[in-house]
Amino acid sequence: MPEDLDGLVAARMERQRILEREQPPLARAILDEAVLHRPIGGREVMRGQLARLLEFTGHRWMRVQVLPYRAGEHTSLDGAFNLLRFEGDPDIIYTEDLISGHMTANPDAIREAARRYAHLQAAALSVEDSAALITRVMEERYGEQPRPEERTVA
């Protein structure tokens, strides 16, 4: 557990507020299907997280796509990355490893990240099909289910 867990949570919440600005940045995310199924924080937390992803489906500035299991081997198996593009400033790629994060504006790294992103996007489900999958997983895995003592016996 990090020593400053409250500080880390506060920083993440502040980054979330960026997406709620009147003119938020254009954001696109491709999520591996595994993140929809891996229960982190329990049933209610997962349901809330998936519901939050679904909130973005109505926003023209945010696109969430899911890379399905059937995509198999893909160009990002060695790790996630963020490709940041700015008007009037150099593009940046951000990657993380176990210990720290790394940023670079190296044009070769930017080209490689853009290439990888294009491959991921081509293999991912459409925005609409991604939302349908997120909804299905949310309902089937994290939906309201009777407690063991409430189950009926056939």
N, C-alpha and C. Protein backbone atom coordinates (compact mmCIF):
# COMPACT_ATOMS: atom_id res chain seq x y z
N MET A 1 0.84 -1.19 0.00
CA MET A 1 0.00 0.00 0.00
C MET A 1 0.89 1.25 0.00
N PRO A 2 0.60 2.16 -0.89
CA PRO A 2 1.36 3.41 -0.90
C PRO A 2 1.18 4.18 0.40
N GLU A 3 2.23 4.90 0.80
CA GLU A 3 2.15 5.67 2.04
C GLU A 3 1.13 6.79 1.97
N ASP A 4 1.01 7.42 0.81
CA ASP A 4 0.11 8.56 0.66
C ASP A 4 -1.09 8.18 -0.20
N LEU A 5 -1.84 7.19 0.24
CA LEU A 5 -2.98 6.71 -0.52
C LEU A 5 -4.02 7.81 -0.73
N ASP A 6 -4.28 8.61 0.32
CA ASP A 6 -5.25 9.71 0.19
C ASP A 6 -4.80 10.71 -0.87
N GLY A 7 -3.52 11.01 -0.91
CA GLY A 7 -2.99 11.94 -1.90
C GLY A 7 -3.11 11.39 -3.32
N LEU A 8 -2.86 10.10 -3.47
CA LEU A 8 -2.99 9.48 -4.79
C LEU A 8 -4.44 9.48 -5.27
N VAL A 9 -5.36 9.18 -4.37
CA VAL A 9 -6.78 9.20 -4.72
C VAL A 9 -7.21 10.62 -5.08
N ALA A 10 -6.77 11.60 -4.31
CA ALA A 10 -7.12 13.00 -4.60
C ALA A 10 -6.60 13.41 -5.98
N ALA A 11 -5.38 12.99 -6.32
CA ALA A 11 -4.81 13.32 -7.63
C ALA A 11 -5.63 12.69 -8.75
N ARG A 12 -6.05 11.45 -8.58
CA ARG A 12 -6.87 10.79 -9.60
C ARG A 12 -8.23 11.46 -9.75
N MET A 13 -8.80 11.85 -8.63
CA MET A 13 -10.10 12.53 -8.69
C MET A 13 -9.97 13.88 -9.41
N GLU A 14 -8.87 14.56 -9.19
CA GLU A 14 -8.64 15.83 -9.88
C GLU A 14 -8.51 15.60 -11.38
N ARG A 15 -7.82 14.53 -11.78
CA ARG A 15 -7.71 14.23 -13.21
C ARG A 15 -9.08 13.91 -13.80
N GLN A 16 -9.96 13.28 -13.02
CA GLN A 16 -11.32 13.01 -13.50
C GLN A 16 -12.07 14.31 -13.78
N ARG A 17 -11.83 15.31 -12.96
CA ARG A 17 -12.52 16.59 -13.15
C ARG A 17 -12.16 17.25 -14.49
N ILE A 18 -11.00 16.96 -15.00
CA ILE A 18 -10.60 17.49 -16.31
C ILE A 18 -11.60 17.05 -17.37
N LEU A 19 -12.11 15.83 -17.24
CA LEU A 19 -13.06 15.30 -18.22
C LEU A 19 -14.45 15.92 -18.08
N GLU A 20 -14.68 16.66 -17.01
CA GLU A 20 -15.98 17.27 -16.78
C GLU A 20 -15.99 18.77 -17.08
N ARG A 21 -14.89 19.27 -17.61
CA ARG A 21 -14.84 20.69 -17.99
C ARG A 21 -15.87 20.98 -19.07
N GLU A 22 -16.17 22.27 -19.24
CA GLU A 22 -17.10 22.67 -20.30
C GLU A 22 -16.54 22.28 -21.67
N GLN A 23 -15.24 22.43 -21.85
CA GLN A 23 -14.58 22.00 -23.08
C GLN A 23 -13.45 21.03 -22.71
N PRO A 24 -13.80 19.77 -22.44
CA PRO A 24 -12.77 18.79 -22.06
C PRO A 24 -11.90 18.41 -23.24
N PRO A 25 -10.75 17.85 -22.98
CA PRO A 25 -9.90 17.39 -24.07
C PRO A 25 -10.53 16.18 -24.76
N LEU A 26 -10.23 16.00 -26.01
CA LEU A 26 -10.65 14.80 -26.73
C LEU A 26 -9.90 13.62 -26.12
N ALA A 27 -10.62 12.59 -25.75
CA ALA A 27 -10.00 11.43 -25.10
C ALA A 27 -10.51 10.16 -25.75
N ARG A 28 -9.60 9.26 -26.02
CA ARG A 28 -9.94 7.96 -26.59
C ARG A 28 -9.21 6.91 -25.79
N ALA A 29 -9.93 5.85 -25.48
CA ALA A 29 -9.33 4.77 -24.69
C ALA A 29 -9.69 3.43 -25.30
N ILE A 30 -8.71 2.55 -25.34
CA ILE A 30 -8.94 1.18 -25.75
C ILE A 30 -8.59 0.32 -24.55
N LEU A 31 -9.59 -0.41 -24.06
CA LEU A 31 -9.42 -1.24 -22.87
C LEU A 31 -9.40 -2.71 -23.25
N ASP A 32 -8.50 -3.45 -22.67
CA ASP A 32 -8.49 -4.89 -22.86
C ASP A 32 -9.73 -5.47 -22.19
N GLU A 33 -10.39 -6.42 -22.84
CA GLU A 33 -11.61 -7.00 -22.28
C GLU A 33 -11.38 -7.55 -20.88
N ALA A 34 -10.18 -7.97 -20.57
CA ALA A 34 -9.89 -8.55 -19.25
C ALA A 34 -10.21 -7.58 -18.12
N VAL A 35 -10.07 -6.27 -18.34
CA VAL A 35 -10.34 -5.32 -17.25
C VAL A 35 -11.81 -5.27 -16.89
N LEU A 36 -12.68 -5.70 -17.79
CA LEU A 36 -14.11 -5.73 -17.49
C LEU A 36 -14.46 -6.89 -16.56
N HIS A 37 -13.65 -7.93 -16.60
CA HIS A 37 -13.95 -9.16 -15.87
C HIS A 37 -13.17 -9.30 -14.56
N ARG A 38 -12.04 -8.61 -14.44
CA ARG A 38 -11.19 -8.76 -13.26
C ARG A 38 -11.78 -7.96 -12.11
N PRO A 39 -12.35 -8.63 -11.09
CA PRO A 39 -13.03 -7.90 -10.01
C PRO A 39 -12.04 -7.23 -9.07
N ILE A 40 -11.98 -5.92 -9.14
CA ILE A 40 -11.14 -5.12 -8.26
C ILE A 40 -12.06 -4.28 -7.39
N GLY A 41 -11.97 -4.44 -6.09
CA GLY A 41 -12.77 -3.62 -5.18
C GLY A 41 -14.15 -4.17 -4.87
N GLY A 42 -14.49 -5.29 -5.43
CA GLY A 42 -15.79 -5.88 -5.13
C GLY A 42 -16.85 -5.56 -6.16
N ARG A 43 -17.98 -6.22 -6.01
CA ARG A 43 -19.09 -6.17 -6.96
C ARG A 43 -19.60 -4.73 -7.16
N GLU A 44 -19.84 -4.00 -6.11
CA GLU A 44 -20.40 -2.65 -6.24
C GLU A 44 -19.40 -1.69 -6.90
N VAL A 45 -18.14 -1.83 -6.54
CA VAL A 45 -17.11 -0.96 -7.13
C VAL A 45 -17.02 -1.23 -8.63
N MET A 46 -16.99 -2.50 -9.00
CA MET A 46 -16.90 -2.83 -10.43
C MET A 46 -18.12 -2.33 -11.19
N ARG A 47 -19.28 -2.53 -10.61
CA ARG A 47 -20.50 -2.05 -11.28
C ARG A 47 -20.43 -0.53 -11.48
N GLY A 48 -19.97 0.18 -10.48
CA GLY A 48 -19.82 1.63 -10.59
C GLY A 48 -18.80 2.03 -11.63
N GLN A 49 -17.69 1.30 -11.69
CA GLN A 49 -16.65 1.62 -12.68
C GLN A 49 -17.16 1.40 -14.10
N LEU A 50 -17.86 0.29 -14.31
CA LEU A 50 -18.38 0.02 -15.65
C LEU A 50 -19.49 1.01 -16.02
N ALA A 51 -20.31 1.36 -15.04
CA ALA A 51 -21.35 2.37 -15.29
C ALA A 51 -20.70 3.70 -15.67
N ARG A 52 -19.60 4.04 -15.03
CA ARG A 52 -18.88 5.29 -15.36
C ARG A 52 -18.39 5.26 -16.80
N LEU A 53 -17.86 4.12 -17.24
CA LEU A 53 -17.43 4.01 -18.63
C LEU A 53 -18.60 4.22 -19.58
N LEU A 54 -19.76 3.67 -19.22
CA LEU A 54 -20.93 3.81 -20.08
C LEU A 54 -21.43 5.26 -20.14
N GLU A 55 -21.17 6.04 -19.11
CA GLU A 55 -21.56 7.45 -19.13
C GLU A 55 -20.89 8.18 -20.29
N PHE A 56 -19.72 7.74 -20.67
CA PHE A 56 -18.97 8.42 -21.73
C PHE A 56 -19.54 8.17 -23.12
N THR A 57 -20.41 7.17 -23.27
CA THR A 57 -20.90 6.84 -24.61
C THR A 57 -21.70 7.97 -25.23
N GLY A 58 -22.26 8.84 -24.43
CA GLY A 58 -23.03 9.96 -24.96
C GLY A 58 -22.21 11.21 -25.20
N HIS A 59 -20.94 11.16 -24.91
CA HIS A 59 -20.08 12.35 -25.06
C HIS A 59 -19.32 12.28 -26.38
N ARG A 60 -19.39 13.34 -27.15
CA ARG A 60 -18.68 13.32 -28.43
C ARG A 60 -17.17 13.47 -28.27
N TRP A 61 -16.72 13.90 -27.11
CA TRP A 61 -15.29 14.11 -26.87
C TRP A 61 -14.61 12.88 -26.29
N MET A 62 -15.37 11.86 -25.93
CA MET A 62 -14.78 10.66 -25.31
C MET A 62 -15.21 9.42 -26.08
N ARG A 63 -14.28 8.57 -26.41
CA ARG A 63 -14.56 7.31 -27.09
C ARG A 63 -13.89 6.18 -26.32
N VAL A 64 -14.69 5.20 -25.94
CA VAL A 64 -14.17 4.02 -25.24
C VAL A 64 -14.42 2.82 -26.14
N GLN A 65 -13.36 2.08 -26.41
CA GLN A 65 -13.46 0.86 -27.19
C GLN A 65 -12.86 -0.29 -26.38
N VAL A 66 -13.37 -1.48 -26.61
CA VAL A 66 -12.86 -2.66 -25.93
C VAL A 66 -12.14 -3.54 -26.94
N LEU A 67 -10.95 -3.96 -26.57
CA LEU A 67 -10.19 -4.91 -27.38
C LEU A 67 -10.61 -6.30 -26.91
N PRO A 68 -11.36 -7.05 -27.73
CA PRO A 68 -11.91 -8.32 -27.25
C PRO A 68 -10.84 -9.39 -27.13
N TYR A 69 -11.16 -10.38 -26.30
CA TYR A 69 -10.25 -11.52 -26.13
C TYR A 69 -9.87 -12.12 -27.48
N ARG A 70 -10.84 -12.18 -28.38
CA ARG A 70 -10.59 -12.85 -29.66
C ARG A 70 -9.52 -12.16 -30.50
N ALA A 71 -9.14 -10.94 -30.13
CA ALA A 71 -8.07 -10.25 -30.85
C ALA A 71 -6.74 -10.98 -30.67
N GLY A 72 -6.64 -11.76 -29.59
CA GLY A 72 -5.42 -12.53 -29.37
C GLY A 72 -4.21 -11.64 -29.15
N GLU A 73 -3.11 -12.04 -29.75
CA GLU A 73 -1.87 -11.28 -29.60
C GLU A 73 -2.05 -9.90 -30.23
N HIS A 74 -1.59 -8.88 -29.52
CA HIS A 74 -1.75 -7.52 -30.05
C HIS A 74 -0.53 -6.67 -29.72
N THR A 75 -0.50 -5.47 -30.27
CA THR A 75 0.69 -4.61 -30.22
C THR A 75 0.94 -3.96 -28.87
N SER A 76 0.07 -4.19 -27.89
CA SER A 76 0.27 -3.55 -26.59
C SER A 76 0.38 -4.57 -25.46
N LEU A 77 0.70 -5.79 -25.80
CA LEU A 77 0.85 -6.81 -24.76
C LEU A 77 1.98 -6.48 -23.79
N ASP A 78 2.93 -5.72 -24.24
CA ASP A 78 4.06 -5.39 -23.36
C ASP A 78 3.79 -4.17 -22.48
N GLY A 79 2.61 -3.61 -22.54
CA GLY A 79 2.27 -2.54 -21.62
C GLY A 79 1.40 -1.46 -22.21
N ALA A 80 0.70 -0.80 -21.32
CA ALA A 80 -0.18 0.30 -21.70
C ALA A 80 0.64 1.56 -21.98
N PHE A 81 0.03 2.46 -22.73
CA PHE A 81 0.69 3.74 -23.00
C PHE A 81 -0.37 4.80 -23.21
N ASN A 82 0.04 6.02 -22.99
CA ASN A 82 -0.82 7.18 -23.25
C ASN A 82 -0.12 8.03 -24.29
N LEU A 83 -0.83 8.34 -25.34
CA LEU A 83 -0.32 9.21 -26.38
C LEU A 83 -1.05 10.54 -26.25
N LEU A 84 -0.32 11.57 -25.95
CA LEU A 84 -0.90 12.89 -25.68
C LEU A 84 -0.55 13.83 -26.83
N ARG A 85 -1.56 14.44 -27.41
CA ARG A 85 -1.35 15.37 -28.51
C ARG A 85 -1.82 16.76 -28.09
N PHE A 86 -1.06 17.76 -28.44
CA PHE A 86 -1.34 19.13 -28.04
C PHE A 86 -1.29 20.05 -29.25
N GLU A 87 -2.13 21.07 -29.23
CA GLU A 87 -2.05 22.09 -30.27
C GLU A 87 -0.88 23.00 -29.94
N GLY A 88 0.05 23.12 -30.86
CA GLY A 88 1.16 24.04 -30.68
C GLY A 88 2.29 23.53 -29.81
N ASP A 89 2.17 22.32 -29.26
CA ASP A 89 3.24 21.74 -28.46
C ASP A 89 3.55 20.34 -28.99
N PRO A 90 4.73 19.83 -28.69
CA PRO A 90 5.08 18.48 -29.18
C PRO A 90 4.18 17.40 -28.56
N ASP A 91 3.93 16.35 -29.33
CA ASP A 91 3.24 15.19 -28.80
C ASP A 91 4.13 14.52 -27.77
N ILE A 92 3.50 13.82 -26.83
CA ILE A 92 4.22 13.13 -25.76
C ILE A 92 3.65 11.72 -25.63
N ILE A 93 4.51 10.77 -25.34
CA ILE A 93 4.05 9.43 -24.99
C ILE A 93 4.44 9.18 -23.54
N TYR A 94 3.50 8.61 -22.80
CA TYR A 94 3.72 8.30 -21.39
C TYR A 94 3.53 6.80 -21.19
N THR A 95 4.51 6.18 -20.57
CA THR A 95 4.44 4.76 -20.24
C THR A 95 4.80 4.59 -18.77
N GLU A 96 4.36 3.48 -18.20
CA GLU A 96 4.68 3.17 -16.81
C GLU A 96 5.27 1.78 -16.72
N ASP A 97 6.14 1.62 -15.76
CA ASP A 97 6.59 0.28 -15.41
C ASP A 97 6.30 0.09 -13.92
N LEU A 98 6.81 -0.95 -13.35
CA LEU A 98 6.53 -1.27 -11.96
C LEU A 98 6.97 -0.16 -11.00
N ILE A 99 8.04 0.53 -11.34
CA ILE A 99 8.64 1.50 -10.42
C ILE A 99 8.24 2.94 -10.70
N SER A 100 8.16 3.32 -11.98
CA SER A 100 7.92 4.73 -12.27
C SER A 100 7.30 4.91 -13.65
N GLY A 101 6.96 6.16 -13.96
CA GLY A 101 6.43 6.52 -15.27
C GLY A 101 7.50 7.23 -16.09
N HIS A 102 7.33 7.18 -17.40
CA HIS A 102 8.31 7.77 -18.31
C HIS A 102 7.58 8.57 -19.38
N MET A 103 8.06 9.77 -19.66
CA MET A 103 7.52 10.59 -20.74
C MET A 103 8.62 10.85 -21.74
N THR A 104 8.21 10.91 -23.02
CA THR A 104 9.16 11.28 -24.05
C THR A 104 8.42 11.98 -25.18
N ALA A 105 9.13 12.88 -25.83
CA ALA A 105 8.62 13.55 -27.03
C ALA A 105 9.45 13.11 -28.24
N ASN A 106 10.19 12.03 -28.08
CA ASN A 106 11.01 11.50 -29.16
C ASN A 106 10.13 11.16 -30.36
N PRO A 107 10.40 11.76 -31.52
CA PRO A 107 9.54 11.53 -32.70
C PRO A 107 9.43 10.05 -33.09
N ASP A 108 10.52 9.28 -32.95
CA ASP A 108 10.45 7.85 -33.28
C ASP A 108 9.51 7.10 -32.34
N ALA A 109 9.56 7.44 -31.06
CA ALA A 109 8.68 6.81 -30.07
C ALA A 109 7.22 7.21 -30.33
N ILE A 110 7.01 8.46 -30.69
CA ILE A 110 5.66 8.94 -30.99
C ILE A 110 5.10 8.20 -32.20
N ARG A 111 5.90 8.05 -33.24
CA ARG A 111 5.44 7.33 -34.44
C ARG A 111 5.10 5.88 -34.10
N GLU A 112 5.94 5.24 -33.29
CA GLU A 112 5.68 3.85 -32.90
C GLU A 112 4.40 3.74 -32.08
N ALA A 113 4.19 4.66 -31.16
CA ALA A 113 2.97 4.64 -30.35
C ALA A 113 1.74 4.86 -31.23
N ALA A 114 1.82 5.79 -32.17
CA ALA A 114 0.69 6.05 -33.07
C ALA A 114 0.39 4.82 -33.92
N ARG A 115 1.44 4.14 -34.38
CA ARG A 115 1.26 2.91 -35.17
C ARG A 115 0.57 1.84 -34.33
N ARG A 116 1.06 1.66 -33.11
CA ARG A 116 0.46 0.66 -32.23
C ARG A 116 -0.99 0.99 -31.91
N TYR A 117 -1.27 2.26 -31.66
CA TYR A 117 -2.64 2.66 -31.37
C TYR A 117 -3.55 2.36 -32.56
N ALA A 118 -3.09 2.65 -33.76
CA ALA A 118 -3.89 2.38 -34.96
C ALA A 118 -4.21 0.89 -35.07
N HIS A 119 -3.23 0.04 -34.78
CA HIS A 119 -3.47 -1.41 -34.82
C HIS A 119 -4.48 -1.83 -33.75
N LEU A 120 -4.34 -1.28 -32.55
CA LEU A 120 -5.29 -1.61 -31.49
C LEU A 120 -6.70 -1.17 -31.86
N GLN A 121 -6.81 0.04 -32.38
CA GLN A 121 -8.12 0.57 -32.74
C GLN A 121 -8.77 -0.26 -33.83
N ALA A 122 -7.97 -0.74 -34.78
CA ALA A 122 -8.50 -1.56 -35.86
C ALA A 122 -9.01 -2.92 -35.33
N ALA A 123 -8.38 -3.45 -34.30
CA ALA A 123 -8.76 -4.75 -33.75
C ALA A 123 -9.86 -4.63 -32.69
N ALA A 124 -10.10 -3.43 -32.18
CA ALA A 124 -11.08 -3.22 -31.10
C ALA A 124 -12.50 -3.22 -31.65
N LEU A 125 -13.44 -3.47 -30.75
CA LEU A 125 -14.85 -3.37 -31.08
C LEU A 125 -15.19 -1.90 -31.36
N SER A 126 -16.26 -1.68 -32.11
CA SER A 126 -16.72 -0.31 -32.32
C SER A 126 -17.13 0.28 -30.97
N VAL A 127 -17.32 1.57 -30.93
CA VAL A 127 -17.76 2.24 -29.70
C VAL A 127 -19.10 1.66 -29.25
N GLU A 128 -20.00 1.46 -30.20
CA GLU A 128 -21.33 0.92 -29.88
C GLU A 128 -21.26 -0.52 -29.39
N ASP A 129 -20.49 -1.35 -30.07
CA ASP A 129 -20.35 -2.75 -29.65
C ASP A 129 -19.61 -2.85 -28.32
N SER A 130 -18.68 -1.94 -28.09
CA SER A 130 -17.97 -1.90 -26.81
C SER A 130 -18.93 -1.58 -25.68
N ALA A 131 -19.81 -0.60 -25.89
CA ALA A 131 -20.80 -0.23 -24.87
C ALA A 131 -21.73 -1.41 -24.59
N ALA A 132 -22.12 -2.13 -25.63
CA ALA A 132 -22.99 -3.30 -25.44
C ALA A 132 -22.29 -4.37 -24.61
N LEU A 133 -21.00 -4.59 -24.89
CA LEU A 133 -20.25 -5.59 -24.12
C LEU A 133 -20.09 -5.14 -22.67
N ILE A 134 -19.77 -3.89 -22.44
CA ILE A 134 -19.62 -3.37 -21.08
C ILE A 134 -20.93 -3.54 -20.32
N THR A 135 -22.04 -3.21 -20.97
CA THR A 135 -23.36 -3.35 -20.35
C THR A 135 -23.63 -4.81 -19.99
N ARG A 136 -23.36 -5.71 -20.92
CA ARG A 136 -23.61 -7.13 -20.67
C ARG A 136 -22.77 -7.66 -19.50
N VAL A 137 -21.49 -7.32 -19.49
CA VAL A 137 -20.62 -7.76 -18.40
C VAL A 137 -21.08 -7.16 -17.07
N MET A 138 -21.44 -5.89 -17.08
CA MET A 138 -21.89 -5.23 -15.86
C MET A 138 -23.13 -5.93 -15.30
N GLU A 139 -24.06 -6.27 -16.16
CA GLU A 139 -25.29 -6.92 -15.69
C GLU A 139 -25.05 -8.37 -15.27
N GLU A 140 -24.30 -9.11 -16.10
CA GLU A 140 -24.11 -10.54 -15.82
C GLU A 140 -23.18 -10.80 -14.64
N ARG A 141 -22.11 -10.04 -14.55
CA ARG A 141 -21.11 -10.32 -13.50
C ARG A 141 -21.31 -9.49 -12.23
N TYR A 142 -21.81 -8.27 -12.40
CA TYR A 142 -21.85 -7.35 -11.26
C TYR A 142 -23.25 -6.80 -10.98
N GLY A 143 -24.25 -7.38 -11.60
CA GLY A 143 -25.61 -6.92 -11.41
C GLY A 143 -26.18 -7.37 -10.08
N GLU A 144 -27.40 -6.95 -9.85
CA GLU A 144 -28.10 -7.35 -8.63
C GLU A 144 -28.35 -8.84 -8.67
N GLN A 145 -27.81 -9.53 -7.69
CA GLN A 145 -28.03 -10.97 -7.59
C GLN A 145 -28.44 -11.29 -6.17
N PRO A 146 -29.32 -12.27 -6.00
CA PRO A 146 -29.76 -12.61 -4.65
C PRO A 146 -28.60 -13.11 -3.81
N ARG A 147 -28.68 -12.80 -2.51
CA ARG A 147 -27.67 -13.32 -1.58
C ARG A 147 -27.90 -14.82 -1.42
N PRO A 148 -26.89 -15.58 -1.02
CA PRO A 148 -27.06 -17.03 -0.92
C PRO A 148 -28.29 -17.45 -0.12
N GLU A 149 -28.61 -16.76 1.00
CA GLU A 149 -29.76 -17.14 1.80
C GLU A 149 -31.09 -16.76 1.14
N GLU A 150 -31.04 -15.91 0.08
CA GLU A 150 -32.26 -15.48 -0.58
C GLU A 150 -32.58 -16.32 -1.82
N ARG A 151 -31.69 -17.20 -2.20
CA ARG A 151 -31.91 -18.00 -3.40
C ARG A 151 -33.04 -18.98 -3.20
N THR A 152 -33.81 -19.12 -4.25
CA THR A 152 -34.90 -20.08 -4.17
C THR A 152 -34.39 -21.47 -4.53
N VAL A 153 -35.03 -22.48 -4.01
CA VAL A 153 -34.64 -23.85 -4.29
C VAL A 153 -35.62 -24.40 -5.30
N ALA A 154 -35.11 -25.06 -6.32
CA ALA A 154 -35.97 -25.62 -7.36
C ALA A 154 -36.60 -26.93 -6.89
